[in-house]
Amino acid sequence: MNPVPMPFDTAPRRGGLPLYAGACALLLVGAACGLADWVGAALAGTGLLTLTGWLVRHDIAVRTVRRDGQARFMAACMLADYAWLGLAGLALIAQPPSETAFGYDIALHAVLIGFVLSMVFGHAPIILPAVARLRVPYGPLLYGPLVLLQASVTLRAGSGLAGWHSGRQWSGLLTIAAVLAYPACAAASKRVGGHARPLPIRRAVP
């Protein structure tokens, strides 16, 4: 029988796999060449930008962000992920590490803090219960740490470009504050009765 129609179709789009493979190949070749080399940085940056475009084109987050509850929160985290991934690519191309340390610093923090931690914030409510049997209830308060995290990476990138050393230090403190605030906001959400709403999936009926 045909699959049951769901609110969002996650079926692969035509040409998606070759584009994804090409983006990964550019990233790997660039890394192999070395980011300190202009060619390596350009290839890796192009790979990151291509991967960002692929994710925006194929990921369900661009549509679930129009929903509400946990679905919207997770989508907001994922869209923030893609923005930082794209910024990392631009930084490697426009500010190659061979010419300035700012490009590498921006790319490093955009990926390791902006991308990775936003991903963790968005998926913790569904991953931690399965892995650590630790329930992380969703609540609107979780947007606070997420916004704080985005502000910290933005401050880091802006301070790097402006050569503002104090701003770079403050960005580290904001990152720590965001990480510490996340479990506190999750605990507060639990006390006020926060709950998780499952994301829509596409299922096939035998």
C-alpha atoms as a PDB file:
ATOM      1  CA  MET A   1       0.000   0.000   0.000  1.00  0.00           C
ATOM      2  CA  ASN A   2       1.018   3.633  -0.439  1.00  0.00           C
ATOM      3  CA  PRO A   3       2.547   5.501   2.495  1.00  0.00           C
ATOM      4  CA  VAL A   4       0.100   7.347   4.685  1.00  0.00           C
ATOM      5  CA  PRO A   5       0.323  11.106   3.968  1.00  0.00           C
ATOM      6  CA  MET A   6       1.949  12.967   6.828  1.00  0.00           C
ATOM      7  CA  PRO A   7       2.231  16.723   7.487  1.00  0.00           C
ATOM      8  CA  PHE A   8       5.795  16.772   6.158  1.00  0.00           C
ATOM      9  CA  ASP A   9       7.337  14.499   3.547  1.00  0.00           C
ATOM     10  CA  THR A  10      10.936  13.535   4.328  1.00  0.00           C
ATOM     11  CA  ALA A  11      11.516  11.557   1.122  1.00  0.00           C
ATOM     12  CA  PRO A  12      14.953  12.190  -0.471  1.00  0.00           C
ATOM     13  CA  ARG A  13      14.978  14.837  -3.192  1.00  0.00           C
ATOM     14  CA  ARG A  14      16.410  14.224  -6.637  1.00  0.00           C
ATOM     15  CA  GLY A  15      20.129  14.933  -6.858  1.00  0.00           C
ATOM     16  CA  GLY A  16      20.476  15.211  -3.104  1.00  0.00           C
ATOM     17  CA  LEU A  17      22.908  12.364  -2.584  1.00  0.00           C
ATOM     18  CA  PRO A  18      25.501  13.467  -5.204  1.00  0.00           C
ATOM     19  CA  LEU A  19      25.432  17.020  -3.846  1.00  0.00           C
ATOM     20  CA  TYR A  20      25.899  15.775  -0.292  1.00  0.00           C
ATOM     21  CA  ALA A  21      28.763  13.503  -1.355  1.00  0.00           C
ATOM     22  CA  GLY A  22      30.377  16.389  -3.234  1.00  0.00           C
ATOM     23  CA  ALA A  23      30.141  18.683  -0.198  1.00  0.00           C
ATOM     24  CA  CYS A  24      31.733  16.059   2.039  1.00  0.00           C
ATOM     25  CA  ALA A  25      34.464  15.427  -0.541  1.00  0.00           C
ATOM     26  CA  LEU A  26      35.325  19.140  -0.722  1.00  0.00           C
ATOM     27  CA  LEU A  27      35.447  19.342   3.059  1.00  0.00           C
ATOM     28  CA  LEU A  28      37.668  16.274   3.392  1.00  0.00           C
ATOM     29  CA  VAL A  29      40.038  17.320   0.607  1.00  0.00           C
ATOM     30  CA  GLY A  30      40.300  20.788   2.104  1.00  0.00           C
ATOM     31  CA  ALA A  31      41.078  19.348   5.521  1.00  0.00           C
ATOM     32  CA  ALA A  32      43.670  17.031   3.982  1.00  0.00           C
ATOM     33  CA  CYS A  33      45.359  19.976   2.266  1.00  0.00           C
ATOM     34  CA  GLY A  34      45.406  21.829   5.579  1.00  0.00           C
ATOM     35  CA  LEU A  35      43.424  24.883   6.599  1.00  0.00           C
ATOM     36  CA  ALA A  36      46.656  26.856   6.901  1.00  0.00           C
ATOM     37  CA  ASP A  37      46.935  26.551   3.122  1.00  0.00           C
ATOM     38  CA  TRP A  38      44.783  28.966   1.080  1.00  0.00           C
ATOM     39  CA  VAL A  39      43.587  26.222  -1.251  1.00  0.00           C
ATOM     40  CA  GLY A  40      42.720  23.916   1.645  1.00  0.00           C
ATOM     41  CA  ALA A  41      40.776  26.658   3.431  1.00  0.00           C
ATOM     42  CA  ALA A  42      38.901  27.561   0.228  1.00  0.00           C
ATOM     43  CA  LEU A  43      37.969  23.943  -0.461  1.00  0.00           C
ATOM     44  CA  ALA A  44      36.867  23.306   3.126  1.00  0.00           C
ATOM     45  CA  GLY A  45      34.918  26.561   3.195  1.00  0.00           C
ATOM     46  CA  THR A  46      33.190  25.726  -0.067  1.00  0.00           C
ATOM     47  CA  GLY A  47      32.368  22.291   1.296  1.00  0.00           C
ATOM     48  CA  LEU A  48      30.798  23.810   4.406  1.00  0.00           C
ATOM     49  CA  LEU A  49      28.748  26.268   2.342  1.00  0.00           C
ATOM     50  CA  THR A  50      27.576  23.501   0.032  1.00  0.00           C
ATOM     51  CA  LEU A  51      26.675  21.314   2.985  1.00  0.00           C
ATOM     52  CA  THR A  52      24.751  24.214   4.517  1.00  0.00           C
ATOM     53  CA  GLY A  53      22.759  24.656   1.326  1.00  0.00           C
ATOM     54  CA  TRP A  54      22.063  20.931   1.190  1.00  0.00           C
ATOM     55  CA  LEU A  55      20.806  20.885   4.779  1.00  0.00           C
ATOM     56  CA  VAL A  56      18.541  23.887   4.252  1.00  0.00           C
ATOM     57  CA  ARG A  57      17.154  22.299   1.091  1.00  0.00           C
ATOM     58  CA  HIS A  58      16.535  18.844   2.508  1.00  0.00           C
ATOM     59  CA  ASP A  59      15.985  19.178   6.245  1.00  0.00           C
ATOM     60  CA  ILE A  60      12.502  19.242   7.705  1.00  0.00           C
ATOM     61  CA  ALA A  61      13.457  22.077  10.083  1.00  0.00           C
ATOM     62  CA  VAL A  62      12.671  24.755   7.496  1.00  0.00           C
ATOM     63  CA  ARG A  63       9.039  23.645   7.716  1.00  0.00           C
ATOM     64  CA  THR A  64       8.645  22.472  11.316  1.00  0.00           C
ATOM     65  CA  VAL A  65       9.810  25.888  12.522  1.00  0.00           C
ATOM     66  CA  ARG A  66       6.303  27.077  11.624  1.00  0.00           C
ATOM     67  CA  ARG A  67       4.781  24.634  14.121  1.00  0.00           C
ATOM     68  CA  ASP A  68       4.748  25.121  17.880  1.00  0.00           C
ATOM     69  CA  GLY A  69       6.106  23.556  21.046  1.00  0.00           C
ATOM     70  CA  GLN A  70       9.143  21.297  20.971  1.00  0.00           C
ATOM     71  CA  ALA A  71       8.995  20.879  17.187  1.00  0.00           C
ATOM     72  CA  ARG A  72       9.568  24.611  16.720  1.00  0.00           C
ATOM     73  CA  PHE A  73      12.326  24.695  19.341  1.00  0.00           C
ATOM     74  CA  MET A  74      14.225  21.863  17.699  1.00  0.00           C
ATOM     75  CA  ALA A  75      13.800  23.469  14.295  1.00  0.00           C
ATOM     76  CA  ALA A  76      15.099  26.789  15.628  1.00  0.00           C
ATOM     77  CA  CYS A  77      18.174  25.012  16.988  1.00  0.00           C
ATOM     78  CA  MET A  78      18.778  23.297  13.655  1.00  0.00           C
ATOM     79  CA  LEU A  79      18.422  26.505  11.650  1.00  0.00           C
ATOM     80  CA  ALA A  80      20.901  28.165  13.994  1.00  0.00           C
ATOM     81  CA  ASP A  81      23.208  25.186  13.330  1.00  0.00           C
ATOM     82  CA  TYR A  82      23.077  25.789   9.607  1.00  0.00           C
ATOM     83  CA  ALA A  83      23.677  29.517   9.973  1.00  0.00           C
ATOM     84  CA  TRP A  84      26.875  28.881  11.955  1.00  0.00           C
ATOM     85  CA  LEU A  85      28.009  26.192   9.537  1.00  0.00           C
ATOM     86  CA  GLY A  86      27.592  28.631   6.668  1.00  0.00           C
ATOM     87  CA  LEU A  87      29.423  31.365   8.569  1.00  0.00           C
ATOM     88  CA  ALA A  88      32.317  28.987   9.187  1.00  0.00           C
ATOM     89  CA  GLY A  89      32.531  28.345   5.459  1.00  0.00           C
ATOM     90  CA  LEU A  90      32.477  32.058   4.647  1.00  0.00           C
ATOM     91  CA  ALA A  91      35.140  32.767   7.260  1.00  0.00           C
ATOM     92  CA  LEU A  92      37.498  30.168   5.803  1.00  0.00           C
ATOM     93  CA  ILE A  93      37.073  31.622   2.314  1.00  0.00           C
ATOM     94  CA  ALA A  94      37.057  35.339   3.116  1.00  0.00           C
ATOM     95  CA  GLN A  95      39.531  35.232   6.018  1.00  0.00           C
ATOM     96  CA  PRO A  96      41.819  32.248   5.270  1.00  0.00           C
ATOM     97  CA  PRO A  97      43.984  31.170   8.224  1.00  0.00           C
ATOM     98  CA  SER A  98      47.077  31.655   6.070  1.00  0.00           C
ATOM     99  CA  GLU A  99      46.399  35.411   6.062  1.00  0.00           C
ATOM    100  CA  THR A 100      44.704  36.062   9.392  1.00  0.00           C
ATOM    101  CA  ALA A 101      43.992  34.132  12.574  1.00  0.00           C
ATOM    102  CA  PHE A 102      40.512  35.632  12.804  1.00  0.00           C
ATOM    103  CA  GLY A 103      39.090  33.425  10.052  1.00  0.00           C
ATOM    104  CA  TYR A 104      40.206  30.229  11.768  1.00  0.00           C
ATOM    105  CA  ASP A 105      39.022  31.473  15.156  1.00  0.00           C
ATOM    106  CA  ILE A 106      35.586  32.379  13.791  1.00  0.00           C
ATOM    107  CA  ALA A 107      35.245  29.099  11.908  1.00  0.00           C
ATOM    108  CA  LEU A 108      36.369  27.079  14.922  1.00  0.00           C
ATOM    109  CA  HIS A 109      33.886  28.682  17.318  1.00  0.00           C
ATOM    110  CA  ALA A 110      31.085  28.723  14.758  1.00  0.00           C
ATOM    111  CA  VAL A 111      31.400  24.950  14.321  1.00  0.00           C
ATOM    112  CA  LEU A 112      32.372  23.741  17.807  1.00  0.00           C
ATOM    113  CA  ILE A 113      30.130  26.086  19.805  1.00  0.00           C
ATOM    114  CA  GLY A 114      27.516  27.527  17.466  1.00  0.00           C
ATOM    115  CA  PHE A 115      26.856  24.351  15.490  1.00  0.00           C
ATOM    116  CA  VAL A 116      27.617  21.604  17.999  1.00  0.00           C
ATOM    117  CA  LEU A 117      26.045  23.129  21.117  1.00  0.00           C
ATOM    118  CA  SER A 118      22.944  24.318  19.267  1.00  0.00           C
ATOM    119  CA  MET A 119      22.575  20.743  18.028  1.00  0.00           C
ATOM    120  CA  VAL A 120      22.943  19.435  21.584  1.00  0.00           C
ATOM    121  CA  PHE A 121      20.408  21.941  22.928  1.00  0.00           C
ATOM    122  CA  GLY A 122      17.861  20.949  20.308  1.00  0.00           C
ATOM    123  CA  HIS A 123      18.241  17.177  20.616  1.00  0.00           C
ATOM    124  CA  ALA A 124      18.817  16.779  24.358  1.00  0.00           C
ATOM    125  CA  PRO A 125      15.072  16.330  25.107  1.00  0.00           C
ATOM    126  CA  ILE A 126      14.935  13.238  22.872  1.00  0.00           C
ATOM    127  CA  ILE A 127      18.486  11.860  23.144  1.00  0.00           C
ATOM    128  CA  LEU A 128      19.122  11.975  26.899  1.00  0.00           C
ATOM    129  CA  PRO A 129      16.001   9.955  27.816  1.00  0.00           C
ATOM    130  CA  ALA A 130      17.092   7.213  25.412  1.00  0.00           C
ATOM    131  CA  VAL A 131      20.790   7.225  26.292  1.00  0.00           C
ATOM    132  CA  ALA A 132      20.963   8.209  29.957  1.00  0.00           C
ATOM    133  CA  ARG A 133      17.325   7.646  30.989  1.00  0.00           C
ATOM    134  CA  LEU A 134      17.284  11.293  31.990  1.00  0.00           C
ATOM    135  CA  ARG A 135      14.127  13.129  31.013  1.00  0.00           C
ATOM    136  CA  VAL A 136      14.632  16.675  29.721  1.00  0.00           C
ATOM    137  CA  PRO A 137      11.182  18.241  29.460  1.00  0.00           C
ATOM    138  CA  TYR A 138      10.560  20.917  26.882  1.00  0.00           C
ATOM    139  CA  GLY A 139       9.410  24.361  27.962  1.00  0.00           C
ATOM    140  CA  PRO A 140       9.589  27.853  26.440  1.00  0.00           C
ATOM    141  CA  LEU A 141      12.272  28.685  29.009  1.00  0.00           C
ATOM    142  CA  LEU A 142      14.729  26.655  26.919  1.00  0.00           C
ATOM    143  CA  TYR A 143      14.790  29.465  24.389  1.00  0.00           C
ATOM    144  CA  GLY A 144      16.704  31.539  26.948  1.00  0.00           C
ATOM    145  CA  PRO A 145      19.898  29.422  26.902  1.00  0.00           C
ATOM    146  CA  LEU A 146      19.593  29.036  23.136  1.00  0.00           C
ATOM    147  CA  VAL A 147      19.489  32.802  22.584  1.00  0.00           C
ATOM    148  CA  LEU A 148      22.328  33.277  25.067  1.00  0.00           C
ATOM    149  CA  LEU A 149      24.414  30.740  23.155  1.00  0.00           C
ATOM    150  CA  GLN A 150      23.816  32.501  19.838  1.00  0.00           C
ATOM    151  CA  ALA A 151      24.763  35.805  21.443  1.00  0.00           C
ATOM    152  CA  SER A 152      28.010  34.351  22.774  1.00  0.00           C
ATOM    153  CA  VAL A 153      29.147  33.068  19.370  1.00  0.00           C
ATOM    154  CA  THR A 154      28.077  36.296  17.676  1.00  0.00           C
ATOM    155  CA  LEU A 155      30.113  38.267  20.211  1.00  0.00           C
ATOM    156  CA  ARG A 156      33.093  35.997  19.638  1.00  0.00           C
ATOM    157  CA  ALA A 157      32.966  36.427  15.869  1.00  0.00           C
ATOM    158  CA  GLY A 158      32.405  40.167  16.036  1.00  0.00           C
ATOM    159  CA  SER A 159      35.136  40.656  18.622  1.00  0.00           C
ATOM    160  CA  GLY A 160      37.555  38.681  16.478  1.00  0.00           C
ATOM    161  CA  LEU A 161      36.913  40.860  13.449  1.00  0.00           C
ATOM    162  CA  ALA A 162      37.139  44.052  15.525  1.00  0.00           C
ATOM    163  CA  GLY A 163      40.197  42.901  17.466  1.00  0.00           C
ATOM    164  CA  TRP A 164      38.307  43.375  20.743  1.00  0.00           C
ATOM    165  CA  HIS A 165      40.040  41.099  23.233  1.00  0.00           C
ATOM    166  CA  SER A 166      37.633  41.789  26.108  1.00  0.00           C
ATOM    167  CA  GLY A 167      34.683  40.859  23.925  1.00  0.00           C
ATOM    168  CA  ARG A 168      36.259  37.504  23.167  1.00  0.00           C
ATOM    169  CA  GLN A 169      36.666  36.862  26.888  1.00  0.00           C
ATOM    170  CA  TRP A 170      33.070  37.832  27.599  1.00  0.00           C
ATOM    171  CA  SER A 171      31.885  35.489  24.873  1.00  0.00           C
ATOM    172  CA  GLY A 172      33.440  32.573  26.754  1.00  0.00           C
ATOM    173  CA  LEU A 173      31.584  33.539  29.917  1.00  0.00           C
ATOM    174  CA  LEU A 174      28.318  33.789  27.987  1.00  0.00           C
ATOM    175  CA  THR A 175      28.881  30.320  26.553  1.00  0.00           C
ATOM    176  CA  ILE A 176      29.415  28.885  30.032  1.00  0.00           C
ATOM    177  CA  ALA A 177      26.310  30.715  31.263  1.00  0.00           C
ATOM    178  CA  ALA A 178      24.251  29.262  28.391  1.00  0.00           C
ATOM    179  CA  VAL A 179      25.428  25.715  29.105  1.00  0.00           C
ATOM    180  CA  LEU A 180      24.671  26.070  32.828  1.00  0.00           C
ATOM    181  CA  ALA A 181      21.323  27.748  32.188  1.00  0.00           C
ATOM    182  CA  TYR A 182      20.076  24.919  29.971  1.00  0.00           C
ATOM    183  CA  PRO A 183      19.624  22.270  32.702  1.00  0.00           C
ATOM    184  CA  ALA A 184      18.290  24.938  35.067  1.00  0.00           C
ATOM    185  CA  CYS A 185      15.635  25.966  32.541  1.00  0.00           C
ATOM    186  CA  ALA A 186      14.828  22.316  31.834  1.00  0.00           C
ATOM    187  CA  ALA A 187      14.315  21.688  35.555  1.00  0.00           C
ATOM    188  CA  ALA A 188      12.098  24.775  35.807  1.00  0.00           C
ATOM    189  CA  SER A 189      10.091  23.555  32.805  1.00  0.00           C
ATOM    190  CA  LYS A 190       9.537  20.240  34.563  1.00  0.00           C
ATOM    191  CA  ARG A 191       8.184  21.984  37.649  1.00  0.00           C
ATOM    192  CA  VAL A 192       5.699  23.988  35.597  1.00  0.00           C
ATOM    193  CA  GLY A 193       4.596  20.909  33.674  1.00  0.00           C
ATOM    194  CA  GLY A 194       6.618  21.177  30.478  1.00  0.00           C
ATOM    195  CA  HIS A 195       6.198  18.363  28.030  1.00  0.00           C
ATOM    196  CA  ALA A 196       7.545  17.238  24.698  1.00  0.00           C
ATOM    197  CA  ARG A 197       5.600  17.025  21.477  1.00  0.00           C
ATOM    198  CA  PRO A 198       6.859  14.406  19.035  1.00  0.00           C
ATOM    199  CA  LEU A 199       7.914  15.504  15.576  1.00  0.00           C
ATOM    200  CA  PRO A 200       5.786  14.307  12.668  1.00  0.00           C
ATOM    201  CA  ILE A 201       7.241  11.365  10.752  1.00  0.00           C
ATOM    202  CA  ARG A 202       6.404   9.574   7.573  1.00  0.00           C
ATOM    203  CA  ARG A 203       5.303   6.008   8.117  1.00  0.00           C
ATOM    204  CA  ALA A 204       4.449   3.284   5.672  1.00  0.00           C
ATOM    205  CA  VAL A 205       1.501   0.958   6.188  1.00  0.00           C
ATOM    206  CA  PRO A 206       2.209  -2.681   5.246  1.00  0.00           C
END
